[in-house]
PDB file of N, CA and C in Angstrom:
ATOM      1  N   UNK A   1       2.787  -6.684  24.743  1.00  0.00           N
ATOM      2  CA  UNK A   1       2.656  -5.247  24.894  1.00  0.00           C
ATOM      3  C   UNK A   1       2.132  -4.691  23.576  1.00  0.00           C
ATOM      4  N   UNK A   2       1.050  -3.962  23.627  1.00  0.00           N
ATOM      5  CA  UNK A   2       0.454  -3.400  22.414  1.00  0.00           C
ATOM      6  C   UNK A   2       1.187  -2.136  22.011  1.00  0.00           C
ATOM      7  N   UNK A   3       1.878  -2.210  20.890  1.00  0.00           N
ATOM      8  CA  UNK A   3       2.700  -1.108  20.417  1.00  0.00           C
ATOM      9  C   UNK A   3       1.871   0.136  20.082  1.00  0.00           C
ATOM     10  N   UNK A   4       0.751  -0.045  19.394  1.00  0.00           N
ATOM     11  CA  UNK A   4      -0.050   1.101  18.968  1.00  0.00           C
ATOM     12  C   UNK A   4      -0.884   1.687  20.111  1.00  0.00           C
ATOM     13  N   UNK A   5      -1.041   0.939  21.205  1.00  0.00           N
ATOM     14  CA  UNK A   5      -1.817   1.445  22.329  1.00  0.00           C
ATOM     15  C   UNK A   5      -1.033   2.481  23.123  1.00  0.00           C
ATOM     16  N   UNK A   6       0.293   2.396  23.126  1.00  0.00           N
ATOM     17  CA  UNK A   6       1.109   3.294  23.924  1.00  0.00           C
ATOM     18  C   UNK A   6       1.443   4.603  23.214  1.00  0.00           C
ATOM     19  N   UNK A   7       1.630   4.557  21.921  1.00  0.00           N
ATOM     20  CA  UNK A   7       2.089   5.712  21.160  1.00  0.00           C
ATOM     21  C   UNK A   7       1.143   5.969  20.001  1.00  0.00           C
ATOM     22  N   UNK A   8       0.903   7.210  19.702  1.00  0.00           N
ATOM     23  CA  UNK A   8       0.089   7.564  18.548  1.00  0.00           C
ATOM     24  C   UNK A   8       1.031   7.724  17.357  1.00  0.00           C
ATOM     25  N   UNK A   9       0.852   6.861  16.370  1.00  0.00           N
ATOM     26  CA  UNK A   9       1.706   6.881  15.191  1.00  0.00           C
ATOM     27  C   UNK A   9       1.023   7.619  14.056  1.00  0.00           C
ATOM     28  N   UNK A  10       1.816   8.301  13.264  1.00  0.00           N
ATOM     29  CA  UNK A  10       1.291   8.904  12.047  1.00  0.00           C
ATOM     30  C   UNK A  10       1.293   7.842  10.954  1.00  0.00           C
ATOM     31  N   UNK A  11       0.347   7.960  10.050  1.00  0.00           N
ATOM     32  CA  UNK A  11       0.245   7.007   8.946  1.00  0.00           C
ATOM     33  C   UNK A  11       0.430   7.748   7.624  1.00  0.00           C
ATOM     34  N   UNK A  12       0.721   6.994   6.594  1.00  0.00           N
ATOM     35  CA  UNK A  12       0.994   7.571   5.285  1.00  0.00           C
ATOM     36  C   UNK A  12      -0.281   7.747   4.473  1.00  0.00           C
ATOM     37  N   UNK A  13      -0.383   8.894   3.844  1.00  0.00           N
ATOM     38  CA  UNK A  13      -1.429   9.173   2.870  1.00  0.00           C
ATOM     39  C   UNK A  13      -0.738   9.510   1.557  1.00  0.00           C
ATOM     40  N   UNK A  14      -1.337   9.083   0.431  1.00  0.00           N
ATOM     41  CA  UNK A  14      -0.690   9.213  -0.870  1.00  0.00           C
ATOM     42  C   UNK A  14      -1.638   9.841  -1.881  1.00  0.00           C
ATOM     43  N   UNK A  15      -1.083  10.714  -2.723  1.00  0.00           N
ATOM     44  CA  UNK A  15      -1.762  11.196  -3.924  1.00  0.00           C
ATOM     45  C   UNK A  15      -0.965  10.627  -5.095  1.00  0.00           C
ATOM     46  N   UNK A  16      -1.500   9.593  -5.734  1.00  0.00           N
ATOM     47  CA  UNK A  16      -0.770   8.901  -6.798  1.00  0.00           C
ATOM     48  C   UNK A  16      -0.571   9.793  -8.029  1.00  0.00           C
ATOM     49  N   UNK A  17      -1.587  10.550  -8.496  1.00  0.00           N
ATOM     50  CA  UNK A  17      -1.353  11.383  -9.684  1.00  0.00           C
ATOM     51  C   UNK A  17      -0.243  12.418  -9.481  1.00  0.00           C
ATOM     52  N   UNK A  18      -0.148  12.997  -8.296  1.00  0.00           N
ATOM     53  CA  UNK A  18       0.899  13.991  -8.012  1.00  0.00           C
ATOM     54  C   UNK A  18       2.189  13.360  -7.505  1.00  0.00           C
ATOM     55  N   UNK A  19       2.119  12.077  -7.160  1.00  0.00           N
ATOM     56  CA  UNK A  19       3.260  11.360  -6.589  1.00  0.00           C
ATOM     57  C   UNK A  19       3.748  12.035  -5.308  1.00  0.00           C
ATOM     58  N   UNK A  20       2.786  12.315  -4.455  1.00  0.00           N
ATOM     59  CA  UNK A  20       3.052  12.953  -3.167  1.00  0.00           C
ATOM     60  C   UNK A  20       2.708  11.980  -2.042  1.00  0.00           C
ATOM     61  N   UNK A  21       3.480  12.018  -0.994  1.00  0.00           N
ATOM     62  CA  UNK A  21       3.218  11.216   0.189  1.00  0.00           C
ATOM     63  C   UNK A  21       3.369  12.102   1.407  1.00  0.00           C
ATOM     64  N   UNK A  22       2.430  12.006   2.325  1.00  0.00           N
ATOM     65  CA  UNK A  22       2.471  12.787   3.567  1.00  0.00           C
ATOM     66  C   UNK A  22       2.073  11.895   4.731  1.00  0.00           C
ATOM     67  N   UNK A  23       2.548  12.244   5.906  1.00  0.00           N
ATOM     68  CA  UNK A  23       2.161  11.522   7.112  1.00  0.00           C
ATOM     69  C   UNK A  23       1.259  12.417   7.954  1.00  0.00           C
ATOM     70  N   UNK A  24       0.136  11.841   8.378  1.00  0.00           N
ATOM     71  CA  UNK A  24      -0.814  12.537   9.239  1.00  0.00           C
ATOM     72  C   UNK A  24      -1.235  11.584  10.349  1.00  0.00           C
ATOM     73  N   UNK A  25      -1.753  12.131  11.406  1.00  0.00           N
ATOM     74  CA  UNK A  25      -2.369  11.297  12.428  1.00  0.00           C
ATOM     75  C   UNK A  25      -3.592  10.642  11.826  1.00  0.00           C
ATOM     76  N   UNK A  26      -3.801   9.366  12.152  1.00  0.00           N
ATOM     77  CA  UNK A  26      -4.976   8.699  11.621  1.00  0.00           C
ATOM     78  C   UNK A  26      -6.162   9.116  12.459  1.00  0.00           C
ATOM     79  N   UNK A  27      -6.980   9.972  11.873  1.00  0.00           N
ATOM     80  CA  UNK A  27      -8.132  10.504  12.594  1.00  0.00           C
ATOM     81  C   UNK A  27      -9.427  10.294  11.833  1.00  0.00           C
ATOM     82  N   UNK A  28      -9.363   9.607  10.699  1.00  0.00           N
ATOM     83  CA  UNK A  28     -10.559   9.360   9.908  1.00  0.00           C
ATOM     84  C   UNK A  28     -10.971  10.551   9.063  1.00  0.00           C
ATOM     85  N   UNK A  29     -10.255  11.663   9.181  1.00  0.00           N
ATOM     86  CA  UNK A  29     -10.582  12.858   8.400  1.00  0.00           C
ATOM     87  C   UNK A  29     -10.037  12.720   6.986  1.00  0.00           C
ATOM     88  N   UNK A  30     -10.593  13.507   6.082  1.00  0.00           N
ATOM     89  CA  UNK A  30     -10.113  13.519   4.709  1.00  0.00           C
ATOM     90  C   UNK A  30      -8.938  14.485   4.607  1.00  0.00           C
ATOM     91  N   UNK A  31      -7.821  13.983   4.117  1.00  0.00           N
ATOM     92  CA  UNK A  31      -6.627  14.812   3.949  1.00  0.00           C
ATOM     93  C   UNK A  31      -6.456  15.109   2.471  1.00  0.00           C
ATOM     94  N   UNK A  32      -6.227  16.375   2.146  1.00  0.00           N
ATOM     95  CA  UNK A  32      -6.129  16.791   0.759  1.00  0.00           C
ATOM     96  C   UNK A  32      -4.681  16.942   0.327  1.00  0.00           C
ATOM     97  N   UNK A  33      -4.425  16.633  -0.945  1.00  0.00           N
ATOM     98  CA  UNK A  33      -3.107  16.815  -1.534  1.00  0.00           C
ATOM     99  C   UNK A  33      -2.802  18.312  -1.585  1.00  0.00           C
ATOM    100  N   UNK A  34      -1.571  18.664  -1.294  1.00  0.00           N
ATOM    101  CA  UNK A  34      -1.204  20.081  -1.290  1.00  0.00           C
ATOM    102  C   UNK A  34      -1.032  20.631  -2.701  1.00  0.00           C
ATOM    103  N   UNK A  35      -0.904  19.755  -3.697  1.00  0.00           N
ATOM    104  CA  UNK A  35      -0.736  20.222  -5.078  1.00  0.00           C
ATOM    105  C   UNK A  35      -2.057  20.308  -5.828  1.00  0.00           C
ATOM    106  N   UNK A  36      -2.834  19.230  -5.821  1.00  0.00           N
ATOM    107  CA  UNK A  36      -4.057  19.198  -6.634  1.00  0.00           C
ATOM    108  C   UNK A  36      -5.336  19.324  -5.813  1.00  0.00           C
ATOM    109  N   UNK A  37      -5.240  19.299  -4.503  1.00  0.00           N
ATOM    110  CA  UNK A  37      -6.367  19.407  -3.573  1.00  0.00           C
ATOM    111  C   UNK A  37      -7.359  18.250  -3.682  1.00  0.00           C
ATOM    112  N   UNK A  38      -6.931  17.137  -4.269  1.00  0.00           N
ATOM    113  CA  UNK A  38      -7.754  15.923  -4.303  1.00  0.00           C
ATOM    114  C   UNK A  38      -7.552  15.159  -2.998  1.00  0.00           C
ATOM    115  N   UNK A  39      -8.529  14.356  -2.583  1.00  0.00           N
ATOM    116  CA  UNK A  39      -8.358  13.560  -1.370  1.00  0.00           C
ATOM    117  C   UNK A  39      -7.208  12.563  -1.511  1.00  0.00           C
ATOM    118  N   UNK A  40      -6.388  12.465  -0.479  1.00  0.00           N
ATOM    119  CA  UNK A  40      -5.274  11.510  -0.485  1.00  0.00           C
ATOM    120  C   UNK A  40      -5.784  10.158  -0.008  1.00  0.00           C
ATOM    121  N   UNK A  41      -5.115   9.085  -0.435  1.00  0.00           N
ATOM    122  CA  UNK A  41      -5.503   7.716  -0.110  1.00  0.00           C
ATOM    123  C   UNK A  41      -4.677   7.235   1.079  1.00  0.00           C
ATOM    124  N   UNK A  42      -5.340   6.597   2.031  1.00  0.00           N
ATOM    125  CA  UNK A  42      -4.662   6.016   3.185  1.00  0.00           C
ATOM    126  C   UNK A  42      -3.820   4.838   2.703  1.00  0.00           C
ATOM    127  N   UNK A  43      -2.501   4.889   2.942  1.00  0.00           N
ATOM    128  CA  UNK A  43      -1.596   3.853   2.441  1.00  0.00           C
ATOM    129  C   UNK A  43      -1.071   2.928   3.540  1.00  0.00           C
ATOM    130  N   UNK A  44      -1.268   3.261   4.789  1.00  0.00           N
ATOM    131  CA  UNK A  44      -0.833   2.383   5.865  1.00  0.00           C
ATOM    132  C   UNK A  44       0.366   2.910   6.630  1.00  0.00           C
ATOM    133  N   UNK A  45       0.811   2.134   7.598  1.00  0.00           N
ATOM    134  CA  UNK A  45       1.925   2.527   8.453  1.00  0.00           C
ATOM    135  C   UNK A  45       3.283   2.379   7.782  1.00  0.00           C
ATOM    136  N   UNK A  46       3.436   1.378   6.920  1.00  0.00           N
ATOM    137  CA  UNK A  46       4.757   0.995   6.408  1.00  0.00           C
ATOM    138  C   UNK A  46       4.985   1.360   4.947  1.00  0.00           C
ATOM    139  N   UNK A  47       4.293   2.353   4.441  1.00  0.00           N
ATOM    140  CA  UNK A  47       4.475   2.763   3.047  1.00  0.00           C
ATOM    141  C   UNK A  47       5.806   3.494   2.897  1.00  0.00           C
ATOM    142  N   UNK A  48       6.529   3.174   1.835  1.00  0.00           N
ATOM    143  CA  UNK A  48       7.764   3.876   1.491  1.00  0.00           C
ATOM    144  C   UNK A  48       7.592   4.404   0.070  1.00  0.00           C
ATOM    145  N   UNK A  49       7.514   5.706  -0.075  1.00  0.00           N
ATOM    146  CA  UNK A  49       7.252   6.306  -1.379  1.00  0.00           C
ATOM    147  C   UNK A  49       8.439   6.131  -2.315  1.00  0.00           C
ATOM    148  N   UNK A  50       8.166   5.722  -3.561  1.00  0.00           N
ATOM    149  CA  UNK A  50       9.248   5.658  -4.537  1.00  0.00           C
ATOM    150  C   UNK A  50       9.664   7.069  -4.969  1.00  0.00           C
ATOM    151  N   UNK A  51      10.761   7.165  -5.679  1.00  0.00           N
ATOM    152  CA  UNK A  51      11.168   8.458  -6.226  1.00  0.00           C
ATOM    153  C   UNK A  51      10.110   8.935  -7.226  1.00  0.00           C
ATOM    154  N   UNK A  52       9.967  10.247  -7.355  1.00  0.00           N
ATOM    155  CA  UNK A  52       8.918  10.798  -8.211  1.00  0.00           C
ATOM    156  C   UNK A  52       9.043  10.384  -9.671  1.00  0.00           C
ATOM    157  N   UNK A  53      10.257  10.153 -10.159  1.00  0.00           N
ATOM    158  CA  UNK A  53      10.430   9.828 -11.569  1.00  0.00           C
ATOM    159  C   UNK A  53      10.453   8.323 -11.845  1.00  0.00           C
ATOM    160  N   UNK A  54      10.151   7.494 -10.858  1.00  0.00           N
ATOM    161  CA  UNK A  54      10.164   6.040 -11.017  1.00  0.00           C
ATOM    162  C   UNK A  54       8.758   5.556 -11.408  1.00  0.00           C
ATOM    163  N   UNK A  55       8.497   5.554 -12.710  1.00  0.00           N
ATOM    164  CA  UNK A  55       7.162   5.228 -13.217  1.00  0.00           C
ATOM    165  C   UNK A  55       6.737   3.802 -12.878  1.00  0.00           C
ATOM    166  N   UNK A  56       7.652   2.836 -12.974  1.00  0.00           N
ATOM    167  CA  UNK A  56       7.296   1.438 -12.713  1.00  0.00           C
ATOM    168  C   UNK A  56       6.837   1.235 -11.270  1.00  0.00           C
ATOM    169  N   UNK A  57       7.530   1.845 -10.332  1.00  0.00           N
ATOM    170  CA  UNK A  57       7.158   1.669  -8.918  1.00  0.00           C
ATOM    171  C   UNK A  57       5.870   2.413  -8.572  1.00  0.00           C
ATOM    172  N   UNK A  58       5.651   3.589  -9.157  1.00  0.00           N
ATOM    173  CA  UNK A  58       4.400   4.309  -8.898  1.00  0.00           C
ATOM    174  C   UNK A  58       3.216   3.573  -9.520  1.00  0.00           C
ATOM    175  N   UNK A  59       3.429   2.894 -10.648  1.00  0.00           N
ATOM    176  CA  UNK A  59       2.361   2.083 -11.240  1.00  0.00           C
ATOM    177  C   UNK A  59       1.992   0.935 -10.302  1.00  0.00           C
ATOM    178  N   UNK A  60       2.989   0.344  -9.650  1.00  0.00           N
ATOM    179  CA  UNK A  60       2.727  -0.729  -8.691  1.00  0.00           C
ATOM    180  C   UNK A  60       1.980  -0.193  -7.472  1.00  0.00           C
ATOM    181  N   UNK A  61       2.371   0.983  -6.987  1.00  0.00           N
ATOM    182  CA  UNK A  61       1.678   1.601  -5.842  1.00  0.00           C
ATOM    183  C   UNK A  61       0.214   1.860  -6.203  1.00  0.00           C
ATOM    184  N   UNK A  62      -0.019   2.394  -7.394  1.00  0.00           N
ATOM    185  CA  UNK A  62      -1.392   2.670  -7.823  1.00  0.00           C
ATOM    186  C   UNK A  62      -2.217   1.388  -7.890  1.00  0.00           C
ATOM    187  N   UNK A  63      -1.643   0.306  -8.414  1.00  0.00           N
ATOM    188  CA  UNK A  63      -2.360  -0.970  -8.514  1.00  0.00           C
ATOM    189  C   UNK A  63      -2.688  -1.527  -7.135  1.00  0.00           C
ATOM    190  N   UNK A  64      -1.732  -1.458  -6.221  1.00  0.00           N
ATOM    191  CA  UNK A  64      -1.948  -1.978  -4.863  1.00  0.00           C
ATOM    192  C   UNK A  64      -3.050  -1.193  -4.157  1.00  0.00           C
ATOM    193  N   UNK A  65      -2.997   0.118  -4.220  1.00  0.00           N
ATOM    194  CA  UNK A  65      -4.002   0.938  -3.536  1.00  0.00           C
ATOM    195  C   UNK A  65      -5.370   0.809  -4.197  1.00  0.00           C
ATOM    196  N   UNK A  66      -5.408   0.683  -5.527  1.00  0.00           N
ATOM    197  CA  UNK A  66      -6.670   0.503  -6.248  1.00  0.00           C
ATOM    198  C   UNK A  66      -7.327  -0.816  -5.869  1.00  0.00           C
ATOM    199  N   UNK A  67      -6.518  -1.834  -5.565  1.00  0.00           N
ATOM    200  CA  UNK A  67      -7.043  -3.144  -5.165  1.00  0.00           C
ATOM    201  C   UNK A  67      -7.551  -3.137  -3.725  1.00  0.00           C
ATOM    202  N   UNK A  68      -7.343  -2.028  -3.014  1.00  0.00           N
ATOM    203  CA  UNK A  68      -7.823  -1.936  -1.637  1.00  0.00           C
ATOM    204  C   UNK A  68      -6.825  -2.434  -0.605  1.00  0.00           C
ATOM    205  N   UNK A  69      -5.594  -2.705  -1.011  1.00  0.00           N
ATOM    206  CA  UNK A  69      -4.567  -3.165  -0.082  1.00  0.00           C
ATOM    207  C   UNK A  69      -3.854  -1.972   0.543  1.00  0.00           C
ATOM    208  N   UNK A  70      -3.228  -2.198   1.672  1.00  0.00           N
ATOM    209  CA  UNK A  70      -2.460  -1.175   2.365  1.00  0.00           C
ATOM    210  C   UNK A  70      -1.062  -1.709   2.639  1.00  0.00           C
ATOM    211  N   UNK A  71      -0.160  -0.829   2.916  1.00  0.00           N
ATOM    212  CA  UNK A  71       1.213  -1.208   3.253  1.00  0.00           C
ATOM    213  C   UNK A  71       1.304  -1.292   4.778  1.00  0.00           C
ATOM    214  N   UNK A  72       1.060  -2.486   5.303  1.00  0.00           N
ATOM    215  CA  UNK A  72       1.073  -2.728   6.741  1.00  0.00           C
ATOM    216  C   UNK A  72       1.988  -3.900   7.044  1.00  0.00           C
ATOM    217  N   UNK A  73       2.814  -3.766   8.052  1.00  0.00           N
ATOM    218  CA  UNK A  73       3.672  -4.861   8.462  1.00  0.00           C
ATOM    219  C   UNK A  73       3.350  -5.334   9.860  1.00  0.00           C
ATOM    220  N   UNK A  74       2.686  -4.500  10.629  1.00  0.00           N
ATOM    221  CA  UNK A  74       2.312  -4.865  11.985  1.00  0.00           C
ATOM    222  C   UNK A  74       0.903  -5.412  12.001  1.00  0.00           C
ATOM    223  N   UNK A  75       0.642  -6.260  12.974  1.00  0.00           N
ATOM    224  CA  UNK A  75      -0.725  -6.696  13.188  1.00  0.00           C
ATOM    225  C   UNK A  75      -1.520  -5.494  13.683  1.00  0.00           C
ATOM    226  N   UNK A  76      -2.816  -5.605  13.690  1.00  0.00           N
ATOM    227  CA  UNK A  76      -3.684  -4.471  13.995  1.00  0.00           C
ATOM    228  C   UNK A  76      -3.334  -3.783  15.305  1.00  0.00           C
ATOM    229  N   UNK A  77      -3.031  -4.540  16.327  1.00  0.00           N
ATOM    230  CA  UNK A  77      -2.716  -3.929  17.617  1.00  0.00           C
ATOM    231  C   UNK A  77      -1.235  -3.573  17.731  1.00  0.00           C
ATOM    232  N   UNK A  78      -0.416  -4.064  16.807  1.00  0.00           N
ATOM    233  CA  UNK A  78       1.005  -3.769  16.835  1.00  0.00           C
ATOM    234  C   UNK A  78       1.817  -4.710  17.696  1.00  0.00           C
ATOM    235  N   UNK A  79       1.202  -5.760  18.202  1.00  0.00           N
ATOM    236  CA  UNK A  79       1.923  -6.683  19.083  1.00  0.00           C
ATOM    237  C   UNK A  79       2.946  -7.524  18.331  1.00  0.00           C
ATOM    238  N   UNK A  80       2.640  -7.904  17.145  1.00  0.00           N
ATOM    239  CA  UNK A  80       3.529  -8.771  16.394  1.00  0.00           C
ATOM    240  C   UNK A  80       3.828  -8.203  15.022  1.00  0.00           C
ATOM    241  N   UNK A  81       4.921  -8.644  14.472  1.00  0.00           N
ATOM    242  CA  UNK A  81       5.303  -8.175  13.141  1.00  0.00           C
ATOM    243  C   UNK A  81       5.118  -9.318  12.161  1.00  0.00           C
ATOM    244  N   UNK A  82       4.234  -9.131  11.212  1.00  0.00           N
ATOM    245  CA  UNK A  82       3.960 -10.113  10.183  1.00  0.00           C
ATOM    246  C   UNK A  82       4.035  -9.390   8.842  1.00  0.00           C
ATOM    247  N   UNK A  83       5.240  -9.250   8.270  1.00  0.00           N
ATOM    248  CA  UNK A  83       5.381  -8.452   7.046  1.00  0.00           C
ATOM    249  C   UNK A  83       4.505  -8.971   5.914  1.00  0.00           C
ATOM    250  N   UNK A  84       3.787  -8.071   5.292  1.00  0.00           N
ATOM    251  CA  UNK A  84       2.960  -8.434   4.155  1.00  0.00           C
ATOM    252  C   UNK A  84       3.686  -8.055   2.876  1.00  0.00           C
ATOM    253  N   UNK A  85       3.533  -8.872   1.861  1.00  0.00           N
ATOM    254  CA  UNK A  85       4.196  -8.614   0.592  1.00  0.00           C
ATOM    255  C   UNK A  85       3.357  -7.666  -0.254  1.00  0.00           C
ATOM    256  N   UNK A  86       4.019  -6.743  -0.914  1.00  0.00           N
ATOM    257  CA  UNK A  86       3.399  -5.888  -1.913  1.00  0.00           C
ATOM    258  C   UNK A  86       4.351  -5.808  -3.099  1.00  0.00           C
ATOM    259  N   UNK A  87       3.835  -5.907  -4.333  1.00  0.00           N
ATOM    260  CA  UNK A  87       4.722  -5.823  -5.494  1.00  0.00           C
ATOM    261  C   UNK A  87       5.403  -4.464  -5.574  1.00  0.00           C
ATOM    262  N   UNK A  88       6.642  -4.461  -6.047  1.00  0.00           N
ATOM    263  CA  UNK A  88       7.435  -3.237  -6.106  1.00  0.00           C
ATOM    264  C   UNK A  88       7.434  -2.584  -7.481  1.00  0.00           C
ATOM    265  N   UNK A  89       7.223  -3.361  -8.546  1.00  0.00           N
ATOM    266  CA  UNK A  89       7.280  -2.810  -9.901  1.00  0.00           C
ATOM    267  C   UNK A  89       6.051  -3.248 -10.688  1.00  0.00           C
ATOM    268  N   UNK A  90       5.828  -2.581 -11.803  1.00  0.00           N
ATOM    269  CA  UNK A  90       4.685  -2.923 -12.645  1.00  0.00           C
ATOM    270  C   UNK A  90       4.838  -4.333 -13.233  1.00  0.00           C
ATOM    271  N   UNK A  91       6.068  -4.781 -13.456  1.00  0.00           N
ATOM    272  CA  UNK A  91       6.286  -6.143 -13.945  1.00  0.00           C
ATOM    273  C   UNK A  91       5.827  -7.175 -12.917  1.00  0.00           C
ATOM    274  N   UNK A  92       6.118  -6.935 -11.649  1.00  0.00           N
ATOM    275  CA  UNK A  92       5.664  -7.841 -10.592  1.00  0.00           C
ATOM    276  C   UNK A  92       4.138  -7.836 -10.494  1.00  0.00           C
ATOM    277  N   UNK A  93       3.525  -6.681 -10.716  1.00  0.00           N
ATOM    278  CA  UNK A  93       2.056  -6.595 -10.712  1.00  0.00           C
ATOM    279  C   UNK A  93       1.488  -7.463 -11.831  1.00  0.00           C
ATOM    280  N   UNK A  94       2.055  -7.359 -13.034  1.00  0.00           N
ATOM    281  CA  UNK A  94       1.564  -8.150 -14.172  1.00  0.00           C
ATOM    282  C   UNK A  94       1.691  -9.644 -13.910  1.00  0.00           C
ATOM    283  N   UNK A  95       2.824 -10.079 -13.371  1.00  0.00           N
ATOM    284  CA  UNK A  95       3.041 -11.501 -13.089  1.00  0.00           C
ATOM    285  C   UNK A  95       2.012 -12.004 -12.086  1.00  0.00           C
ATOM    286  N   UNK A  96       1.762 -11.251 -11.048  1.00  0.00           N
ATOM    287  CA  UNK A  96       0.812 -11.676 -10.026  1.00  0.00           C
ATOM    288  C   UNK A  96      -0.626 -11.658 -10.539  1.00  0.00           C
ATOM    289  N   UNK A  97      -0.956 -10.695 -11.381  1.00  0.00           N
ATOM    290  CA  UNK A  97      -2.305 -10.678 -11.971  1.00  0.00           C
ATOM    291  C   UNK A  97      -2.526 -11.896 -12.852  1.00  0.00           C
ATOM    292  N   UNK A  98      -1.528 -12.254 -13.663  1.00  0.00           N
ATOM    293  CA  UNK A  98      -1.661 -13.446 -14.515  1.00  0.00           C
ATOM    294  C   UNK A  98      -1.814 -14.711 -13.680  1.00  0.00           C
ATOM    295  N   UNK A  99      -0.982 -14.840 -12.645  1.00  0.00           N
ATOM    296  CA  UNK A  99      -1.063 -16.027 -11.781  1.00  0.00           C
ATOM    297  C   UNK A  99      -2.403 -16.070 -11.050  1.00  0.00           C
ATOM    298  N   UNK A 100      -2.881 -14.920 -10.613  1.00  0.00           N
ATOM    299  CA  UNK A 100      -4.173 -14.862  -9.939  1.00  0.00           C
ATOM    300  C   UNK A 100      -5.327 -15.206 -10.863  1.00  0.00           C
ATOM    301  N   UNK A 101      -5.246 -14.757 -12.116  1.00  0.00           N
ATOM    302  CA  UNK A 101      -6.301 -15.074 -13.084  1.00  0.00           C
ATOM    303  C   UNK A 101      -6.346 -16.570 -13.355  1.00  0.00           C
ATOM    304  N   UNK A 102      -5.172 -17.213 -13.459  1.00  0.00           N
ATOM    305  CA  UNK A 102      -5.135 -18.665 -13.676  1.00  0.00           C
ATOM    306  C   UNK A 102      -5.720 -19.418 -12.492  1.00  0.00           C
ATOM    307  N   UNK A 103      -5.476 -18.906 -11.275  1.00  0.00           N
ATOM    308  CA  UNK A 103      -5.942 -19.599 -10.068  1.00  0.00           C
ATOM    309  C   UNK A 103      -7.333 -19.151  -9.638  1.00  0.00           C
ATOM    310  N   UNK A 104      -7.894 -18.145 -10.318  1.00  0.00           N
ATOM    311  CA  UNK A 104      -9.232 -17.678  -9.959  1.00  0.00           C
ATOM    312  C   UNK A 104      -9.255 -16.819  -8.702  1.00  0.00           C
ATOM    313  N   UNK A 105      -8.175 -16.117  -8.418  1.00  0.00           N
ATOM    314  CA  UNK A 105      -8.096 -15.261  -7.237  1.00  0.00           C
ATOM    315  C   UNK A 105      -8.562 -13.850  -7.560  1.00  0.00           C
ATOM    316  N   UNK A 106      -8.985 -13.133  -6.551  1.00  0.00           N
ATOM    317  CA  UNK A 106      -9.317 -11.723  -6.734  1.00  0.00           C
ATOM    318  C   UNK A 106      -8.019 -10.936  -6.930  1.00  0.00           C
ATOM    319  N   UNK A 107      -8.140  -9.701  -7.399  1.00  0.00           N
ATOM    320  CA  UNK A 107      -6.936  -8.909  -7.645  1.00  0.00           C
ATOM    321  C   UNK A 107      -6.170  -8.653  -6.347  1.00  0.00           C
ATOM    322  N   UNK A 108      -6.878  -8.391  -5.259  1.00  0.00           N
ATOM    323  CA  UNK A 108      -6.213  -8.149  -3.976  1.00  0.00           C
ATOM    324  C   UNK A 108      -5.449  -9.393  -3.520  1.00  0.00           C
ATOM    325  N   UNK A 109      -6.054 -10.560  -3.665  1.00  0.00           N
ATOM    326  CA  UNK A 109      -5.372 -11.799  -3.276  1.00  0.00           C
ATOM    327  C   UNK A 109      -4.154 -12.041  -4.158  1.00  0.00           C
ATOM    328  N   UNK A 110      -4.284 -11.786  -5.443  1.00  0.00           N
ATOM    329  CA  UNK A 110      -3.178 -12.014  -6.378  1.00  0.00           C
ATOM    330  C   UNK A 110      -2.018 -11.075  -6.081  1.00  0.00           C
ATOM    331  N   UNK A 111      -2.313  -9.804  -5.793  1.00  0.00           N
ATOM    332  CA  UNK A 111      -1.242  -8.845  -5.539  1.00  0.00           C
ATOM    333  C   UNK A 111      -0.541  -9.057  -4.197  1.00  0.00           C
ATOM    334  N   UNK A 112      -1.182  -9.773  -3.293  1.00  0.00           N
ATOM    335  CA  UNK A 112      -0.547 -10.014  -2.002  1.00  0.00           C
ATOM    336  C   UNK A 112       0.247 -11.321  -1.964  1.00  0.00           C
ATOM    337  N   UNK A 113       0.326 -12.039  -3.090  1.00  0.00           N
ATOM    338  CA  UNK A 113       1.128 -13.258  -3.157  1.00  0.00           C
ATOM    339  C   UNK A 113       2.611 -12.911  -3.146  1.00  0.00           C
ATOM    340  N   UNK A 114       3.352 -13.510  -2.245  1.00  0.00           N
ATOM    341  CA  UNK A 114       4.792 -13.292  -2.230  1.00  0.00           C
ATOM    342  C   UNK A 114       5.439 -13.958  -3.442  1.00  0.00           C
ATOM    343  N   UNK A 115       5.034 -15.177  -3.719  1.00  0.00           N
ATOM    344  CA  UNK A 115       5.564 -15.911  -4.858  1.00  0.00           C
ATOM    345  C   UNK A 115       4.391 -16.266  -5.760  1.00  0.00           C
ATOM    346  N   UNK A 116       4.386 -15.838  -7.038  1.00  0.00           N
ATOM    347  CA  UNK A 116       3.242 -16.141  -7.895  1.00  0.00           C
ATOM    348  C   UNK A 116       3.026 -17.625  -8.109  1.00  0.00           C
ATOM    349  N   UNK A 117       4.010 -18.451  -7.812  1.00  0.00           N
ATOM    350  CA  UNK A 117       3.844 -19.887  -7.903  1.00  0.00           C
ATOM    351  C   UNK A 117       2.968 -20.445  -6.797  1.00  0.00           C
ATOM    352  N   UNK A 118       2.678 -19.629  -5.759  1.00  0.00           N
ATOM    353  CA  UNK A 118       1.819 -20.066  -4.657  1.00  0.00           C
ATOM    354  C   UNK A 118       0.357 -20.102  -5.039  1.00  0.00           C
ATOM    355  N   UNK A 119      -0.006 -19.511  -6.178  1.00  0.00           N
ATOM    356  CA  UNK A 119      -1.412 -19.421  -6.566  1.00  0.00           C
ATOM    357  C   UNK A 119      -1.998 -20.766  -6.886  1.00  0.00           C
TER     358      UNK A 119
END
């Protein structure tokens, strides 16, 4: 049964500089931040915003989104759940970048490693 085919889900959009997160229907339109009026970045279905004063976690969110990754746990059609790993802190980002550089991986591949020893 296709989960996303039956129900229209809202997805998360993020403004990293303002540390704002909003949910909108995914319509391909540009959604603007309510504070700075800059375009918000599509973060996926399963994004969980850190607290505004948590610098380490917001740095990790910025790195993940800059690498072109999204916070998705469902397969495209929503039929199955295949949780994807995303680093939670800036320290985890640094460890994965180092492991990826040693293994010759792109930044997106390095940041999606669950265990940096897998590189």
